[in-house]
């Protein structure tokens, strides 16, 4: 996940708790969030991957309330739709897709596109004032303002067209729901953590 993140997302676990994953979503081009740097946290339960996580944002985006749990199909709001095969990368790709939609949800807010653009431009400066951001992503605090996206960055892969990625993501979700995920319940917890979501697709 850290070496080869999906387009527009990056994440890493806390050093002292592998169940807590800090993430950053980079606002894709040609959206109201373009160039924005949106920091948040995924809380995985102790019995992950058999139960879904919770997701919160710490950076204002004009789409979600900061510090509030977000209601989407991949969080604890909808345990019946959770798939134990979903990884951190899958969750963040789904979160980005959900962020770009206009669907009303618990933890969401309604703002204009111009308000979203303003928040995107302010996002890096806002994050630098947040202790959670500085603690979780010390290598990012020295980067220049990300309000205007560069052609490429070390942390974010911006090469693939967004629409193609999101279409592929929805296709994968459809296929995963059609093929039940099987795992031996007797596996030790360490095997569960290493064999599924956290390191799946880590590169």
Protein backbone atom coordinates (compact mmCIF):
# COMPACT_ATOMS: atom_id res chain seq x y z
CA UNK A 1 0.00 0.00 0.00
CA UNK A 2 2.81 2.41 0.86
CA UNK A 3 5.15 1.37 -1.97
CA UNK A 4 2.52 1.10 -4.72
CA UNK A 5 -0.60 3.00 -3.66
CA UNK A 6 -3.66 3.23 -5.90
CA UNK A 7 -4.10 6.53 -7.75
CA UNK A 8 -4.79 9.54 -5.51
CA UNK A 9 -4.48 7.68 -2.16
CA UNK A 10 -1.76 6.82 0.35
CA UNK A 11 -1.90 5.18 3.79
CA UNK A 12 0.27 3.85 6.59
CA UNK A 13 -0.43 2.19 9.97
CA UNK A 14 0.44 3.79 13.27
CA UNK A 15 3.69 2.45 14.70
CA UNK A 16 2.09 1.43 18.00
CA UNK A 17 -1.21 0.11 16.66
CA UNK A 18 -1.51 -1.68 13.33
CA UNK A 19 -5.31 -1.42 13.55
CA UNK A 20 -5.19 2.36 13.04
CA UNK A 21 -4.32 3.49 9.50
CA UNK A 22 -3.76 7.13 8.60
CA UNK A 23 -4.59 7.96 5.01
CA UNK A 24 -4.39 10.86 2.61
CA UNK A 25 -6.64 11.30 -0.40
CA UNK A 26 -5.31 13.62 -3.08
CA UNK A 27 -8.03 15.56 -4.91
CA UNK A 28 -8.10 14.32 -8.55
CA UNK A 29 -7.82 16.74 -11.47
CA UNK A 30 -11.01 18.17 -12.96
CA UNK A 31 -12.92 17.82 -9.67
CA UNK A 32 -13.77 20.43 -7.00
CA UNK A 33 -11.16 18.73 -4.78
CA UNK A 34 -8.31 19.10 -7.29
CA UNK A 35 -4.92 19.33 -5.58
CA UNK A 36 -6.42 18.95 -2.12
CA UNK A 37 -4.74 16.89 0.59
CA UNK A 38 -7.39 15.22 2.76
CA UNK A 39 -6.14 13.42 5.86
CA UNK A 40 -8.15 10.85 7.77
CA UNK A 41 -8.04 7.63 9.77
CA UNK A 42 -9.36 4.09 9.29
CA UNK A 43 -10.11 2.28 12.57
CA UNK A 44 -10.08 -1.49 12.16
CA UNK A 45 -11.81 -3.59 14.84
CA UNK A 46 -9.84 -6.26 16.72
CA UNK A 47 -11.73 -8.97 14.81
CA UNK A 48 -10.92 -7.54 11.37
CA UNK A 49 -11.25 -8.78 8.62
CA UNK A 50 -14.50 -10.36 9.78
CA UNK A 51 -16.01 -6.99 10.72
CA UNK A 52 -15.76 -3.65 8.86
CA UNK A 53 -13.80 -0.57 9.98
CA UNK A 54 -14.82 3.00 10.72
CA UNK A 55 -13.56 5.97 8.70
CA UNK A 56 -13.17 9.62 9.69
CA UNK A 57 -11.64 12.68 8.03
CA UNK A 58 -9.57 15.29 9.86
CA UNK A 59 -9.23 17.73 6.94
CA UNK A 60 -12.25 19.83 5.86
CA UNK A 61 -13.28 18.95 2.31
CA UNK A 62 -16.79 20.31 1.97
CA UNK A 63 -17.98 16.72 1.50
CA UNK A 64 -17.61 15.15 4.97
CA UNK A 65 -17.77 16.44 8.52
CA UNK A 66 -14.41 16.31 10.24
CA UNK A 67 -14.20 13.89 13.15
CA UNK A 68 -17.46 12.10 12.30
CA UNK A 69 -17.86 8.49 11.22
CA UNK A 70 -18.79 8.17 7.55
CA UNK A 71 -21.68 5.98 6.48
CA UNK A 72 -20.80 3.93 3.40
CA UNK A 73 -21.02 0.29 2.35
CA UNK A 74 -17.47 -0.44 3.54
CA UNK A 75 -17.85 0.83 7.12
CA UNK A 76 -19.49 -0.41 10.31
CA UNK A 77 -22.73 1.29 9.30
CA UNK A 78 -23.35 -1.58 6.86
CA UNK A 79 -21.86 -4.82 8.24
CA UNK A 80 -24.12 -6.89 5.98
CA UNK A 81 -22.39 -5.57 2.85
CA UNK A 82 -18.86 -5.98 4.19
CA UNK A 83 -16.49 -8.34 2.34
CA UNK A 84 -13.59 -9.75 4.35
CA UNK A 85 -11.38 -9.73 1.26
CA UNK A 86 -11.39 -5.93 1.01
CA UNK A 87 -8.00 -4.38 1.68
CA UNK A 88 -6.90 -0.91 2.75
CA UNK A 89 -6.41 -0.05 -0.91
CA UNK A 90 -9.92 -1.26 -1.75
CA UNK A 91 -11.45 0.76 1.08
CA UNK A 92 -9.65 3.96 0.09
CA UNK A 93 -10.49 3.56 -3.59
CA UNK A 94 -14.13 3.14 -2.59
CA UNK A 95 -13.91 6.14 -0.27
CA UNK A 96 -12.52 8.29 -3.09
CA UNK A 97 -15.33 7.17 -5.39
CA UNK A 98 -17.88 7.97 -2.68
CA UNK A 99 -16.26 11.35 -2.06
CA UNK A 100 -16.67 12.30 -5.71
CA UNK A 101 -20.37 11.43 -5.67
CA UNK A 102 -23.18 13.64 -4.40
CA UNK A 103 -24.84 10.92 -2.34
CA UNK A 104 -26.24 12.17 0.97
CA UNK A 105 -24.88 10.22 3.93
CA UNK A 106 -24.37 10.29 7.68
CA UNK A 107 -21.18 12.24 8.30
CA UNK A 108 -21.61 14.20 5.07
CA UNK A 109 -22.09 17.92 4.50
CA UNK A 110 -23.45 19.93 1.59
CA UNK A 111 -21.37 22.75 0.10
CA UNK A 112 -20.90 24.41 -3.27
CA UNK A 113 -18.15 23.40 -5.68
CA UNK A 114 -16.45 26.74 -5.12
CA UNK A 115 -16.39 26.16 -1.36
CA UNK A 116 -14.81 22.75 -1.99
CA UNK A 117 -12.14 24.34 -4.21
CA UNK A 118 -11.28 26.88 -1.51
CA UNK A 119 -10.95 24.12 1.11
CA UNK A 120 -8.76 22.10 -1.27
CA UNK A 121 -6.39 25.04 -1.70
CA UNK A 122 -6.22 25.51 2.07
CA UNK A 123 -5.88 21.81 2.91
CA UNK A 124 -2.09 21.48 3.13
CA UNK A 125 -1.70 24.50 5.39
CA UNK A 126 -4.58 23.19 7.52
CA UNK A 127 -2.95 19.76 7.83
CA UNK A 128 0.38 21.20 8.93
CA UNK A 129 -1.39 22.69 11.96
CA UNK A 130 -2.83 19.30 12.92
CA UNK A 131 -0.70 17.27 15.35
CA UNK A 132 -2.25 14.03 14.08
CA UNK A 133 -1.05 14.81 10.56
CA UNK A 134 2.47 15.80 11.61
CA UNK A 135 2.80 12.69 13.76
CA UNK A 136 1.47 10.24 11.16
CA UNK A 137 3.14 11.69 8.06
CA UNK A 138 6.39 13.41 9.11
CA UNK A 139 7.88 12.94 5.62
CA UNK A 140 5.08 15.06 4.13
CA UNK A 141 5.37 18.12 6.33
CA UNK A 142 8.22 19.55 4.26
CA UNK A 143 6.42 19.23 0.92
CA UNK A 144 5.33 22.42 -0.85
CA UNK A 145 1.71 23.50 -0.81
CA UNK A 146 -0.27 20.81 -2.63
CA UNK A 147 -3.10 23.12 -3.65
CA UNK A 148 -1.84 22.97 -7.25
CA UNK A 149 -1.09 19.34 -8.21
CA UNK A 150 2.33 18.69 -9.75
CA UNK A 151 2.78 16.45 -12.78
CA UNK A 152 3.92 13.65 -10.50
CA UNK A 153 4.81 13.08 -6.84
CA UNK A 154 6.67 10.50 -4.84
CA UNK A 155 3.65 9.42 -2.85
CA UNK A 156 0.82 9.68 -5.35
CA UNK A 157 0.41 7.82 -8.61
CA UNK A 158 -1.53 10.12 -10.93
CA UNK A 159 -0.89 8.33 -14.20
CA UNK A 160 -4.09 6.37 -14.80
CA UNK A 161 -7.35 8.02 -15.85
CA UNK A 162 -9.70 8.37 -12.90
CA UNK A 163 -12.81 7.14 -14.69
CA UNK A 164 -11.13 3.91 -15.77
CA UNK A 165 -9.95 3.21 -12.23
CA UNK A 166 -13.34 3.84 -10.67
CA UNK A 167 -15.12 1.69 -13.26
CA UNK A 168 -12.69 -1.14 -12.58
CA UNK A 169 -13.21 -0.69 -8.85
CA UNK A 170 -16.98 -1.06 -9.13
CA UNK A 171 -16.54 -4.15 -11.33
CA UNK A 172 -14.27 -5.74 -8.72
CA UNK A 173 -16.80 -5.03 -5.98
CA UNK A 174 -19.49 -6.72 -8.03
CA UNK A 175 -17.31 -9.79 -8.61
CA UNK A 176 -16.24 -10.03 -4.97
CA UNK A 177 -19.85 -10.04 -3.80
CA UNK A 178 -20.63 -12.85 -6.25
CA UNK A 179 -17.72 -15.01 -5.04
CA UNK A 180 -17.95 -15.72 -1.27
CA UNK A 181 -14.77 -15.14 0.63
CA UNK A 182 -13.56 -18.23 2.55
CA UNK A 183 -11.13 -18.27 5.42
CA UNK A 184 -10.40 -20.82 8.12
CA UNK A 185 -11.81 -19.45 11.39
CA UNK A 186 -9.03 -21.28 13.27
CA UNK A 187 -6.29 -19.06 11.81
CA UNK A 188 -4.28 -17.21 14.38
CA UNK A 189 -4.92 -13.47 14.55
CA UNK A 190 -1.50 -12.65 13.14
CA UNK A 191 -2.21 -14.78 10.11
CA UNK A 192 -5.50 -13.00 9.59
CA UNK A 193 -3.84 -9.59 9.66
CA UNK A 194 -1.04 -10.52 7.30
CA UNK A 195 -3.10 -12.64 4.95
CA UNK A 196 -5.83 -10.17 4.07
CA UNK A 197 -6.57 -6.48 4.07
CA UNK A 198 -3.61 -4.74 5.65
CA UNK A 199 -0.92 -6.04 3.35
CA UNK A 200 -3.00 -7.06 0.36
CA UNK A 201 -1.65 -5.13 -2.57
CA UNK A 202 1.08 -3.57 -0.47
CA UNK A 203 3.60 -4.04 -3.23
